[in-house]
Amino acid sequence: MQDHLKRHLLGVFLCAMHYNSTETVNYLEQKGITKNLLDELFTLAPTFKNTYERKLFVIGLIQMLTASTLPNHLVSTLLAIINQIIEMLNK
């Protein structure tokens, strides 16, 4: 899949995180794609050119961290997620 299509698809999940983070995390966990989604998101983050994509990245990840239940593998990568948010904010 082309990178610009991946960015738009990841944007859908980030919007869903903003709308209802708990349900989105639960859905991603049920499908078993949370880790893959975060890996793709962190891989493509340097290619985010416009302000909208960067804001969506920051807001979506922050909302994900506020979900009422976080899976253990997300808790173990919490520092990496926070570092990615800070790095994006510095751009």
PDB file of N, CA and C in Angstrom:
ATOM      1  N   MET A   1       0.844  -1.174   0.000  1.00  0.00           N
ATOM      2  CA  MET A   1       0.000   0.000   0.000  1.00  0.00           C
ATOM      3  C   MET A   1       0.893   1.243   0.000  1.00  0.00           C
ATOM      4  N   GLN A   2       0.466   2.260  -0.707  1.00  0.00           N
ATOM      5  CA  GLN A   2       1.241   3.479  -0.794  1.00  0.00           C
ATOM      6  C   GLN A   2       1.194   4.243   0.522  1.00  0.00           C
ATOM      7  N   ASP A   3       2.280   4.979   0.800  1.00  0.00           N
ATOM      8  CA  ASP A   3       2.397   5.676   2.083  1.00  0.00           C
ATOM      9  C   ASP A   3       1.293   6.697   2.311  1.00  0.00           C
ATOM     10  N   HIS A   4       0.886   7.420   1.266  1.00  0.00           N
ATOM     11  CA  HIS A   4      -0.155   8.431   1.483  1.00  0.00           C
ATOM     12  C   HIS A   4      -1.486   7.780   1.822  1.00  0.00           C
ATOM     13  N   LEU A   5      -1.754   6.585   1.296  1.00  0.00           N
ATOM     14  CA  LEU A   5      -2.986   5.876   1.653  1.00  0.00           C
ATOM     15  C   LEU A   5      -2.909   5.358   3.090  1.00  0.00           C
ATOM     16  N   LYS A   6      -1.729   4.883   3.480  1.00  0.00           N
ATOM     17  CA  LYS A   6      -1.539   4.426   4.859  1.00  0.00           C
ATOM     18  C   LYS A   6      -1.749   5.581   5.835  1.00  0.00           C
ATOM     19  N   ARG A   7      -1.218   6.755   5.488  1.00  0.00           N
ATOM     20  CA  ARG A   7      -1.376   7.922   6.373  1.00  0.00           C
ATOM     21  C   ARG A   7      -2.848   8.271   6.550  1.00  0.00           C
ATOM     22  N   HIS A   8      -3.626   8.205   5.475  1.00  0.00           N
ATOM     23  CA  HIS A   8      -5.050   8.515   5.581  1.00  0.00           C
ATOM     24  C   HIS A   8      -5.794   7.455   6.405  1.00  0.00           C
ATOM     25  N   LEU A   9      -5.445   6.208   6.222  1.00  0.00           N
ATOM     26  CA  LEU A   9      -6.072   5.131   6.993  1.00  0.00           C
ATOM     27  C   LEU A   9      -5.719   5.245   8.472  1.00  0.00           C
ATOM     28  N   LEU A  10      -4.465   5.532   8.769  1.00  0.00           N
ATOM     29  CA  LEU A  10      -4.059   5.732  10.161  1.00  0.00           C
ATOM     30  C   LEU A  10      -4.768   6.941  10.753  1.00  0.00           C
ATOM     31  N   GLY A  11      -5.014   7.959   9.928  1.00  0.00           N
ATOM     32  CA  GLY A  11      -5.757   9.132  10.375  1.00  0.00           C
ATOM     33  C   GLY A  11      -7.168   8.782  10.819  1.00  0.00           C
ATOM     34  N   VAL A  12      -7.776   7.807  10.164  1.00  0.00           N
ATOM     35  CA  VAL A  12      -9.120   7.362  10.559  1.00  0.00           C
ATOM     36  C   VAL A  12      -9.079   6.794  11.971  1.00  0.00           C
ATOM     37  N   PHE A  13      -8.080   5.972  12.251  1.00  0.00           N
ATOM     38  CA  PHE A  13      -7.971   5.392  13.592  1.00  0.00           C
ATOM     39  C   PHE A  13      -7.637   6.456  14.631  1.00  0.00           C
ATOM     40  N   LEU A  14      -6.817   7.433  14.268  1.00  0.00           N
ATOM     41  CA  LEU A  14      -6.500   8.512  15.199  1.00  0.00           C
ATOM     42  C   LEU A  14      -7.734   9.357  15.499  1.00  0.00           C
ATOM     43  N   CYS A  15      -8.565   9.588  14.488  1.00  0.00           N
ATOM     44  CA  CYS A  15      -9.832  10.310  14.719  1.00  0.00           C
ATOM     45  C   CYS A  15     -10.741   9.505  15.641  1.00  0.00           C
ATOM     46  N   ALA A  16     -10.777   8.194  15.422  1.00  0.00           N
ATOM     47  CA  ALA A  16     -11.588   7.333  16.280  1.00  0.00           C
ATOM     48  C   ALA A  16     -11.077   7.375  17.722  1.00  0.00           C
ATOM     49  N   MET A  17      -9.763   7.451  17.886  1.00  0.00           N
ATOM     50  CA  MET A  17      -9.188   7.578  19.235  1.00  0.00           C
ATOM     51  C   MET A  17      -9.670   8.860  19.894  1.00  0.00           C
ATOM     52  N   HIS A  18      -9.704   9.924  19.127  1.00  0.00           N
ATOM     53  CA  HIS A  18     -10.161  11.202  19.671  1.00  0.00           C
ATOM     54  C   HIS A  18     -11.637  11.134  20.046  1.00  0.00           C
ATOM     55  N   TYR A  19     -12.426  10.469  19.229  1.00  0.00           N
ATOM     56  CA  TYR A  19     -13.863  10.383  19.466  1.00  0.00           C
ATOM     57  C   TYR A  19     -14.194   9.498  20.668  1.00  0.00           C
ATOM     58  N   ASN A  20     -13.620   8.294  20.714  1.00  0.00           N
ATOM     59  CA  ASN A  20     -13.893   7.362  21.810  1.00  0.00           C
ATOM     60  C   ASN A  20     -12.700   6.419  21.952  1.00  0.00           C
ATOM     61  N   SER A  21     -11.754   6.819  22.770  1.00  0.00           N
ATOM     62  CA  SER A  21     -10.499   6.077  22.870  1.00  0.00           C
ATOM     63  C   SER A  21     -10.681   4.675  23.451  1.00  0.00           C
ATOM     64  N   THR A  22     -11.530   4.532  24.429  1.00  0.00           N
ATOM     65  CA  THR A  22     -11.711   3.222  25.065  1.00  0.00           C
ATOM     66  C   THR A  22     -12.253   2.203  24.067  1.00  0.00           C
ATOM     67  N   GLU A  23     -13.282   2.563  23.333  1.00  0.00           N
ATOM     68  CA  GLU A  23     -13.862   1.638  22.358  1.00  0.00           C
ATOM     69  C   GLU A  23     -12.902   1.359  21.206  1.00  0.00           C
ATOM     70  N   THR A  24     -12.157   2.358  20.794  1.00  0.00           N
ATOM     71  CA  THR A  24     -11.202   2.157  19.709  1.00  0.00           C
ATOM     72  C   THR A  24     -10.086   1.210  20.134  1.00  0.00           C
ATOM     73  N   VAL A  25      -9.554   1.404  21.336  1.00  0.00           N
ATOM     74  CA  VAL A  25      -8.511   0.501  21.843  1.00  0.00           C
ATOM     75  C   VAL A  25      -9.075  -0.911  21.972  1.00  0.00           C
ATOM     76  N   ASN A  26     -10.296  -1.042  22.484  1.00  0.00           N
ATOM     77  CA  ASN A  26     -10.918  -2.367  22.601  1.00  0.00           C
ATOM     78  C   ASN A  26     -11.067  -3.029  21.231  1.00  0.00           C
ATOM     79  N   TYR A  27     -11.502  -2.261  20.231  1.00  0.00           N
ATOM     80  CA  TYR A  27     -11.654  -2.800  18.878  1.00  0.00           C
ATOM     81  C   TYR A  27     -10.314  -3.259  18.315  1.00  0.00           C
ATOM     82  N   LEU A  28      -9.302  -2.411  18.447  1.00  0.00           N
ATOM     83  CA  LEU A  28      -7.979  -2.765  17.937  1.00  0.00           C
ATOM     84  C   LEU A  28      -7.430  -4.003  18.627  1.00  0.00           C
ATOM     85  N   GLU A  29      -7.679  -4.125  19.921  1.00  0.00           N
ATOM     86  CA  GLU A  29      -7.229  -5.295  20.663  1.00  0.00           C
ATOM     87  C   GLU A  29      -7.971  -6.554  20.224  1.00  0.00           C
ATOM     88  N   GLN A  30      -9.276  -6.445  19.997  1.00  0.00           N
ATOM     89  CA  GLN A  30     -10.048  -7.603  19.537  1.00  0.00           C
ATOM     90  C   GLN A  30      -9.549  -8.103  18.198  1.00  0.00           C
ATOM     91  N   LYS A  31      -9.158  -7.184  17.335  1.00  0.00           N
ATOM     92  CA  LYS A  31      -8.644  -7.552  16.011  1.00  0.00           C
ATOM     93  C   LYS A  31      -7.168  -7.925  16.049  1.00  0.00           C
ATOM     94  N   GLY A  32      -6.490  -7.616  17.148  1.00  0.00           N
ATOM     95  CA  GLY A  32      -5.076  -7.945  17.304  1.00  0.00           C
ATOM     96  C   GLY A  32      -4.154  -7.087  16.445  1.00  0.00           C
ATOM     97  N   ILE A  33      -4.540  -5.836  16.209  1.00  0.00           N
ATOM     98  CA  ILE A  33      -3.750  -4.986  15.317  1.00  0.00           C
ATOM     99  C   ILE A  33      -3.189  -3.734  16.002  1.00  0.00           C
ATOM    100  N   THR A  34      -3.311  -3.650  17.300  1.00  0.00           N
ATOM    101  CA  THR A  34      -2.838  -2.446  17.997  1.00  0.00           C
ATOM    102  C   THR A  34      -1.349  -2.235  17.795  1.00  0.00           C
ATOM    103  N   LYS A  35      -0.555  -3.259  17.999  1.00  0.00           N
ATOM    104  CA  LYS A  35       0.903  -3.128  17.863  1.00  0.00           C
ATOM    105  C   LYS A  35       1.276  -2.783  16.428  1.00  0.00           C
ATOM    106  N   ASN A  36       0.670  -3.444  15.455  1.00  0.00           N
ATOM    107  CA  ASN A  36       0.965  -3.162  14.047  1.00  0.00           C
ATOM    108  C   ASN A  36       0.588  -1.733  13.679  1.00  0.00           C
ATOM    109  N   LEU A  37      -0.542  -1.270  14.200  1.00  0.00           N
ATOM    110  CA  LEU A  37      -0.984   0.091  13.911  1.00  0.00           C
ATOM    111  C   LEU A  37      -0.001   1.111  14.468  1.00  0.00           C
ATOM    112  N   LEU A  38       0.444   0.901  15.699  1.00  0.00           N
ATOM    113  CA  LEU A  38       1.415   1.814  16.291  1.00  0.00           C
ATOM    114  C   LEU A  38       2.756   1.763  15.573  1.00  0.00           C
ATOM    115  N   ASP A  39       3.179   0.582  15.166  1.00  0.00           N
ATOM    116  CA  ASP A  39       4.438   0.461  14.427  1.00  0.00           C
ATOM    117  C   ASP A  39       4.363   1.238  13.113  1.00  0.00           C
ATOM    118  N   GLU A  40       3.280   1.079  12.381  1.00  0.00           N
ATOM    119  CA  GLU A  40       3.097   1.814  11.118  1.00  0.00           C
ATOM    120  C   GLU A  40       3.034   3.314  11.374  1.00  0.00           C
ATOM    121  N   LEU A  41       2.334   3.681  12.431  1.00  0.00           N
ATOM    122  CA  LEU A  41       2.178   5.094  12.761  1.00  0.00           C
ATOM    123  C   LEU A  41       3.533   5.727  13.079  1.00  0.00           C
ATOM    124  N   PHE A  42       4.358   5.046  13.860  1.00  0.00           N
ATOM    125  CA  PHE A  42       5.671   5.573  14.217  1.00  0.00           C
ATOM    126  C   PHE A  42       6.619   5.564  13.017  1.00  0.00           C
ATOM    127  N   THR A  43       6.450   4.609  12.122  1.00  0.00           N
ATOM    128  CA  THR A  43       7.272   4.555  10.922  1.00  0.00           C
ATOM    129  C   THR A  43       6.948   5.710   9.978  1.00  0.00           C
ATOM    130  N   LEU A  44       5.653   6.015   9.842  1.00  0.00           N
ATOM    131  CA  LEU A  44       5.232   7.064   8.909  1.00  0.00           C
ATOM    132  C   LEU A  44       5.231   8.461   9.521  1.00  0.00           C
ATOM    133  N   ALA A  45       5.379   8.576  10.818  1.00  0.00           N
ATOM    134  CA  ALA A  45       5.317   9.885  11.479  1.00  0.00           C
ATOM    135  C   ALA A  45       6.289  10.905  10.885  1.00  0.00           C
ATOM    136  N   PRO A  46       7.505  10.528  10.534  1.00  0.00           N
ATOM    137  CA  PRO A  46       8.410  11.536   9.943  1.00  0.00           C
ATOM    138  C   PRO A  46       7.939  12.070   8.587  1.00  0.00           C
ATOM    139  N   THR A  47       7.028  11.368   7.931  1.00  0.00           N
ATOM    140  CA  THR A  47       6.548  11.816   6.619  1.00  0.00           C
ATOM    141  C   THR A  47       5.344  12.746   6.724  1.00  0.00           C
ATOM    142  N   PHE A  48       4.865  12.987   7.942  1.00  0.00           N
ATOM    143  CA  PHE A  48       3.724  13.889   8.107  1.00  0.00           C
ATOM    144  C   PHE A  48       4.175  15.304   7.775  1.00  0.00           C
ATOM    145  N   LYS A  49       3.631  15.855   6.725  1.00  0.00           N
ATOM    146  CA  LYS A  49       4.067  17.157   6.238  1.00  0.00           C
ATOM    147  C   LYS A  49       3.213  18.307   6.750  1.00  0.00           C
ATOM    148  N   ASN A  50       1.907  18.120   6.735  1.00  0.00           N
ATOM    149  CA  ASN A  50       1.057  19.260   7.086  1.00  0.00           C
ATOM    150  C   ASN A  50       0.673  19.256   8.565  1.00  0.00           C
ATOM    151  N   THR A  51       0.205  20.397   8.997  1.00  0.00           N
ATOM    152  CA  THR A  51      -0.134  20.597  10.404  1.00  0.00           C
ATOM    153  C   THR A  51      -1.272  19.684  10.844  1.00  0.00           C
ATOM    154  N   TYR A  52      -2.229  19.461   9.960  1.00  0.00           N
ATOM    155  CA  TYR A  52      -3.374  18.611  10.302  1.00  0.00           C
ATOM    156  C   TYR A  52      -2.919  17.212  10.706  1.00  0.00           C
ATOM    157  N   GLU A  53      -2.034  16.613   9.921  1.00  0.00           N
ATOM    158  CA  GLU A  53      -1.561  15.261  10.231  1.00  0.00           C
ATOM    159  C   GLU A  53      -0.820  15.229  11.556  1.00  0.00           C
ATOM    160  N   ARG A  54      -0.019  16.252  11.815  1.00  0.00           N
ATOM    161  CA  ARG A  54       0.733  16.291  13.078  1.00  0.00           C
ATOM    162  C   ARG A  54      -0.207  16.453  14.274  1.00  0.00           C
ATOM    163  N   LYS A  55      -1.200  17.343  14.140  1.00  0.00           N
ATOM    164  CA  LYS A  55      -2.165  17.529  15.226  1.00  0.00           C
ATOM    165  C   LYS A  55      -2.957  16.256  15.475  1.00  0.00           C
ATOM    166  N   LEU A  56      -3.374  15.604  14.405  1.00  0.00           N
ATOM    167  CA  LEU A  56      -4.121  14.358  14.534  1.00  0.00           C
ATOM    168  C   LEU A  56      -3.284  13.296  15.238  1.00  0.00           C
ATOM    169  N   PHE A  57      -2.008  13.225  14.911  1.00  0.00           N
ATOM    170  CA  PHE A  57      -1.079  12.290  15.539  1.00  0.00           C
ATOM    171  C   PHE A  57      -1.013  12.541  17.041  1.00  0.00           C
ATOM    172  N   VAL A  58      -0.779  13.799  17.429  1.00  0.00           N
ATOM    173  CA  VAL A  58      -0.622  14.150  18.842  1.00  0.00           C
ATOM    174  C   VAL A  58      -1.932  13.934  19.605  1.00  0.00           C
ATOM    175  N   ILE A  59      -3.022  14.452  19.094  1.00  0.00           N
ATOM    176  CA  ILE A  59      -4.309  14.346  19.792  1.00  0.00           C
ATOM    177  C   ILE A  59      -4.762  12.891  19.885  1.00  0.00           C
ATOM    178  N   GLY A  60      -4.614  12.142  18.796  1.00  0.00           N
ATOM    179  CA  GLY A  60      -5.026  10.732  18.809  1.00  0.00           C
ATOM    180  C   GLY A  60      -4.254   9.904  19.814  1.00  0.00           C
ATOM    181  N   LEU A  61      -2.938  10.089  19.860  1.00  0.00           N
ATOM    182  CA  LEU A  61      -2.131   9.311  20.808  1.00  0.00           C
ATOM    183  C   LEU A  61      -2.384   9.733  22.251  1.00  0.00           C
ATOM    184  N   ILE A  62      -2.554  11.025  22.480  1.00  0.00           N
ATOM    185  CA  ILE A  62      -2.854  11.471  23.845  1.00  0.00           C
ATOM    186  C   ILE A  62      -4.193  10.909  24.295  1.00  0.00           C
ATOM    187  N   GLN A  63      -5.179  10.929  23.422  1.00  0.00           N
ATOM    188  CA  GLN A  63      -6.487  10.360  23.773  1.00  0.00           C
ATOM    189  C   GLN A  63      -6.381   8.859  24.027  1.00  0.00           C
ATOM    190  N   MET A  64      -5.524   8.175  23.267  1.00  0.00           N
ATOM    191  CA  MET A  64      -5.347   6.744  23.477  1.00  0.00           C
ATOM    192  C   MET A  64      -4.821   6.478  24.883  1.00  0.00           C
ATOM    193  N   LEU A  65      -3.929   7.341  25.348  1.00  0.00           N
ATOM    194  CA  LEU A  65      -3.363   7.150  26.685  1.00  0.00           C
ATOM    195  C   LEU A  65      -4.381   7.413  27.784  1.00  0.00           C
ATOM    196  N   THR A  66      -5.472   8.097  27.457  1.00  0.00           N
ATOM    197  CA  THR A  66      -6.503   8.376  28.453  1.00  0.00           C
ATOM    198  C   THR A  66      -7.614   7.335  28.456  1.00  0.00           C
ATOM    199  N   ALA A  67      -7.481   6.296  27.637  1.00  0.00           N
ATOM    200  CA  ALA A  67      -8.499   5.234  27.604  1.00  0.00           C
ATOM    201  C   ALA A  67      -8.617   4.605  28.983  1.00  0.00           C
ATOM    202  N   SER A  68      -9.828   4.180  29.317  1.00  0.00           N
ATOM    203  CA  SER A  68     -10.056   3.636  30.663  1.00  0.00           C
ATOM    204  C   SER A  68      -9.314   2.319  30.893  1.00  0.00           C
ATOM    205  N   THR A  69      -9.083   1.569  29.831  1.00  0.00           N
ATOM    206  CA  THR A  69      -8.310   0.331  29.961  1.00  0.00           C
ATOM    207  C   THR A  69      -7.236   0.315  28.889  1.00  0.00           C
ATOM    208  N   LEU A  70      -6.010   0.165  29.328  1.00  0.00           N
ATOM    209  CA  LEU A  70      -4.887   0.051  28.396  1.00  0.00           C
ATOM    210  C   LEU A  70      -4.312  -1.356  28.487  1.00  0.00           C
ATOM    211  N   PRO A  71      -4.134  -2.022  27.360  1.00  0.00           N
ATOM    212  CA  PRO A  71      -3.515  -3.351  27.378  1.00  0.00           C
ATOM    213  C   PRO A  71      -2.078  -3.278  27.897  1.00  0.00           C
ATOM    214  N   ASN A  72      -1.590  -4.388  28.403  1.00  0.00           N
ATOM    215  CA  ASN A  72      -0.252  -4.433  28.994  1.00  0.00           C
ATOM    216  C   ASN A  72       0.845  -4.033  28.020  1.00  0.00           C
ATOM    217  N   HIS A  73       0.722  -4.445  26.759  1.00  0.00           N
ATOM    218  CA  HIS A  73       1.788  -4.107  25.811  1.00  0.00           C
ATOM    219  C   HIS A  73       1.802  -2.613  25.500  1.00  0.00           C
ATOM    220  N   LEU A  74       0.666  -1.912  25.658  1.00  0.00           N
ATOM    221  CA  LEU A  74       0.669  -0.458  25.501  1.00  0.00           C
ATOM    222  C   LEU A  74       1.305   0.213  26.706  1.00  0.00           C
ATOM    223  N   VAL A  75       1.071  -0.335  27.876  1.00  0.00           N
ATOM    224  CA  VAL A  75       1.682   0.218  29.083  1.00  0.00           C
ATOM    225  C   VAL A  75       3.192   0.060  29.017  1.00  0.00           C
ATOM    226  N   SER A  76       3.659  -1.067  28.459  1.00  0.00           N
ATOM    227  CA  SER A  76       5.103  -1.294  28.376  1.00  0.00           C
ATOM    228  C   SER A  76       5.770  -0.379  27.343  1.00  0.00           C
ATOM    229  N   THR A  77       5.016   0.131  26.377  1.00  0.00           N
ATOM    230  CA  THR A  77       5.573   1.037  25.369  1.00  0.00           C
ATOM    231  C   THR A  77       5.193   2.492  25.642  1.00  0.00           C
ATOM    232  N   LEU A  78       4.745   2.764  26.831  1.00  0.00           N
ATOM    233  CA  LEU A  78       4.286   4.104  27.186  1.00  0.00           C
ATOM    234  C   LEU A  78       5.366   5.158  26.984  1.00  0.00           C
ATOM    235  N   LEU A  79       6.571   4.869  27.374  1.00  0.00           N
ATOM    236  CA  LEU A  79       7.669   5.827  27.222  1.00  0.00           C
ATOM    237  C   LEU A  79       7.933   6.128  25.744  1.00  0.00           C
ATOM    238  N   ALA A  80       7.896   5.114  24.904  1.00  0.00           N
ATOM    239  CA  ALA A  80       8.112   5.317  23.469  1.00  0.00           C
ATOM    240  C   ALA A  80       6.989   6.164  22.871  1.00  0.00           C
ATOM    241  N   ILE A  81       5.770   5.941  23.303  1.00  0.00           N
ATOM    242  CA  ILE A  81       4.635   6.721  22.809  1.00  0.00           C
ATOM    243  C   ILE A  81       4.776   8.183  23.222  1.00  0.00           C
ATOM    244  N   ILE A  82       5.138   8.406  24.463  1.00  0.00           N
ATOM    245  CA  ILE A  82       5.313   9.781  24.954  1.00  0.00           C
ATOM    246  C   ILE A  82       6.460  10.467  24.214  1.00  0.00           C
ATOM    247  N   ASN A  83       7.549   9.747  23.968  1.00  0.00           N
ATOM    248  CA  ASN A  83       8.668  10.319  23.222  1.00  0.00           C
ATOM    249  C   ASN A  83       8.257  10.698  21.801  1.00  0.00           C
ATOM    250  N   GLN A  84       7.426   9.862  21.163  1.00  0.00           N
ATOM    251  CA  GLN A  84       6.945  10.172  19.817  1.00  0.00           C
ATOM    252  C   GLN A  84       6.064  11.425  19.822  1.00  0.00           C
ATOM    253  N   ILE A  85       5.230  11.561  20.849  1.00  0.00           N
ATOM    254  CA  ILE A  85       4.372  12.743  20.959  1.00  0.00           C
ATOM    255  C   ILE A  85       5.233  13.990  21.118  1.00  0.00           C
ATOM    256  N   ILE A  86       6.225  13.918  21.999  1.00  0.00           N
ATOM    257  CA  ILE A  86       7.105  15.074  22.223  1.00  0.00           C
ATOM    258  C   ILE A  86       7.883  15.432  20.967  1.00  0.00           C
ATOM    259  N   GLU A  87       8.359  14.434  20.267  1.00  0.00           N
ATOM    260  CA  GLU A  87       9.095  14.669  19.032  1.00  0.00           C
ATOM    261  C   GLU A  87       8.208  15.352  17.995  1.00  0.00           C
ATOM    262  N   MET A  88       6.955  14.923  17.894  1.00  0.00           N
ATOM    263  CA  MET A  88       6.035  15.534  16.938  1.00  0.00           C
ATOM    264  C   MET A  88       5.692  16.972  17.345  1.00  0.00           C
ATOM    265  N   LEU A  89       5.573  17.209  18.634  1.00  0.00           N
ATOM    266  CA  LEU A  89       5.279  18.564  19.110  1.00  0.00           C
ATOM    267  C   LEU A  89       6.439  19.521  18.822  1.00  0.00           C
ATOM    268  N   ASN A  90       7.652  18.990  18.791  1.00  0.00           N
ATOM    269  CA  ASN A  90       8.818  19.829  18.521  1.00  0.00           C
ATOM    270  C   ASN A  90       8.949  20.214  17.051  1.00  0.00           C
ATOM    271  N   LYS A  91       8.204  19.556  16.184  1.00  0.00           N
ATOM    272  CA  LYS A  91       8.298  19.883  14.753  1.00  0.00           C
ATOM    273  C   LYS A  91       7.590  21.147  14.462  1.00  0.00           C
TER     274      LYS A  91
END
